[in-house]
Amino acid sequence: MARTLARGTRVTGAERTRLAAELAPRYAAGESIRDLAAETGRSYGFIYNVLKEAGVPLRGRGGNTRRRKA
């Protein structure tokens, strides 16, 4: 489980790698970036960048997936 990080602190190097290793499998299992951000106390953009830097394939945006009937 990811720990809450102090807001505004820099997360670099080994700590950032460790965080990515914790978050990547959870994101791959279906948790949202917003959920991960809320739990760690970091922003959506921070979590997005950590996952992207770790090479995690990011899901597309949600939204209306219904198609018009032909």
C-alpha atoms as a PDB file:
ATOM      1  CA  MET A   1       0.000   0.000   0.000  1.00  0.00           C
ATOM      2  CA  ALA A   2       1.370   3.387  -0.982  1.00  0.00           C
ATOM      3  CA  ARG A   3       2.041   5.708   1.900  1.00  0.00           C
ATOM      4  CA  THR A   4       0.887   9.289   2.034  1.00  0.00           C
ATOM      5  CA  LEU A   5       3.726  11.549   0.969  1.00  0.00           C
ATOM      6  CA  ALA A   6       4.297  14.998   2.428  1.00  0.00           C
ATOM      7  CA  ARG A   7       2.766  17.563   0.115  1.00  0.00           C
ATOM      8  CA  GLY A   8       5.287  19.626  -1.811  1.00  0.00           C
ATOM      9  CA  THR A   9       8.287  17.412  -1.108  1.00  0.00           C
ATOM     10  CA  ARG A  10      10.427  16.310  -4.025  1.00  0.00           C
ATOM     11  CA  VAL A  11      10.356  12.622  -4.824  1.00  0.00           C
ATOM     12  CA  THR A  12      13.434  11.700  -6.826  1.00  0.00           C
ATOM     13  CA  GLY A  13      15.845   8.866  -7.475  1.00  0.00           C
ATOM     14  CA  ALA A  14      15.342   5.608  -5.625  1.00  0.00           C
ATOM     15  CA  GLU A  15      12.263   6.886  -3.781  1.00  0.00           C
ATOM     16  CA  ARG A  16      10.547   7.723  -7.077  1.00  0.00           C
ATOM     17  CA  THR A  17      11.473   4.300  -8.486  1.00  0.00           C
ATOM     18  CA  ARG A  18      10.109   2.601  -5.365  1.00  0.00           C
ATOM     19  CA  LEU A  19       6.871   4.576  -5.615  1.00  0.00           C
ATOM     20  CA  ALA A  20       6.484   3.639  -9.293  1.00  0.00           C
ATOM     21  CA  ALA A  21       7.028  -0.023  -8.385  1.00  0.00           C
ATOM     22  CA  GLU A  22       4.217   0.210  -5.814  1.00  0.00           C
ATOM     23  CA  LEU A  23       1.761   2.089  -8.015  1.00  0.00           C
ATOM     24  CA  ALA A  24       2.276   0.389 -11.396  1.00  0.00           C
ATOM     25  CA  PRO A  25       0.711  -2.995 -10.504  1.00  0.00           C
ATOM     26  CA  ARG A  26      -2.214  -1.309  -8.792  1.00  0.00           C
ATOM     27  CA  TYR A  27      -2.883   0.857 -11.852  1.00  0.00           C
ATOM     28  CA  ALA A  28      -2.542  -2.206 -14.102  1.00  0.00           C
ATOM     29  CA  ALA A  29      -5.061  -4.024 -11.878  1.00  0.00           C
ATOM     30  CA  GLY A  30      -7.646  -1.316 -12.544  1.00  0.00           C
ATOM     31  CA  GLU A  31      -7.212   1.429  -9.959  1.00  0.00           C
ATOM     32  CA  SER A  32      -7.500   4.920 -11.376  1.00  0.00           C
ATOM     33  CA  ILE A  33      -4.835   7.598 -11.346  1.00  0.00           C
ATOM     34  CA  ARG A  34      -7.232   9.756  -9.323  1.00  0.00           C
ATOM     35  CA  ASP A  35      -7.605   7.035  -6.672  1.00  0.00           C
ATOM     36  CA  LEU A  36      -3.847   6.589  -6.439  1.00  0.00           C
ATOM     37  CA  ALA A  37      -3.353  10.354  -6.200  1.00  0.00           C
ATOM     38  CA  ALA A  38      -5.906  10.689  -3.406  1.00  0.00           C
ATOM     39  CA  GLU A  39      -4.351   7.875  -1.419  1.00  0.00           C
ATOM     40  CA  THR A  40      -0.774   9.140  -1.712  1.00  0.00           C
ATOM     41  CA  GLY A  41      -1.655  12.801  -1.218  1.00  0.00           C
ATOM     42  CA  ARG A  42      -0.053  13.766  -4.527  1.00  0.00           C
ATOM     43  CA  SER A  43      -1.574  15.354  -7.613  1.00  0.00           C
ATOM     44  CA  TYR A  44      -3.041  13.584 -10.622  1.00  0.00           C
ATOM     45  CA  GLY A  45      -0.219  14.981 -12.772  1.00  0.00           C
ATOM     46  CA  PHE A  46       2.472  13.682 -10.433  1.00  0.00           C
ATOM     47  CA  ILE A  47       1.063  10.148 -10.467  1.00  0.00           C
ATOM     48  CA  TYR A  48       0.566  10.315 -14.235  1.00  0.00           C
ATOM     49  CA  ASN A  49       4.202  11.327 -14.739  1.00  0.00           C
ATOM     50  CA  VAL A  50       5.547   8.661 -12.373  1.00  0.00           C
ATOM     51  CA  LEU A  51       3.600   5.950 -14.215  1.00  0.00           C
ATOM     52  CA  LYS A  52       4.609   7.287 -17.614  1.00  0.00           C
ATOM     53  CA  GLU A  53       8.294   7.468 -16.623  1.00  0.00           C
ATOM     54  CA  ALA A  54       8.064   3.856 -15.406  1.00  0.00           C
ATOM     55  CA  GLY A  55       6.838   2.756 -18.845  1.00  0.00           C
ATOM     56  CA  VAL A  56       3.391   1.731 -17.651  1.00  0.00           C
ATOM     57  CA  PRO A  57       0.895   1.552 -20.543  1.00  0.00           C
ATOM     58  CA  LEU A  58      -1.761   4.125 -19.679  1.00  0.00           C
ATOM     59  CA  ARG A  59      -5.443   3.508 -20.338  1.00  0.00           C
ATOM     60  CA  GLY A  60      -7.467   5.781 -22.566  1.00  0.00           C
ATOM     61  CA  ARG A  61      -9.870   8.309 -21.160  1.00  0.00           C
ATOM     62  CA  GLY A  62     -13.259   7.120 -19.984  1.00  0.00           C
ATOM     63  CA  GLY A  63     -16.473   8.772 -20.937  1.00  0.00           C
ATOM     64  CA  ASN A  64     -19.355   7.803 -23.141  1.00  0.00           C
ATOM     65  CA  THR A  65     -18.571   4.554 -24.905  1.00  0.00           C
ATOM     66  CA  ARG A  66     -21.997   3.998 -26.438  1.00  0.00           C
ATOM     67  CA  ARG A  67     -22.146   3.941 -30.166  1.00  0.00           C
ATOM     68  CA  ARG A  68     -24.959   5.282 -32.279  1.00  0.00           C
ATOM     69  CA  LYS A  69     -27.241   2.643 -33.710  1.00  0.00           C
ATOM     70  CA  ALA A  70     -26.985   2.424 -37.466  1.00  0.00           C
END
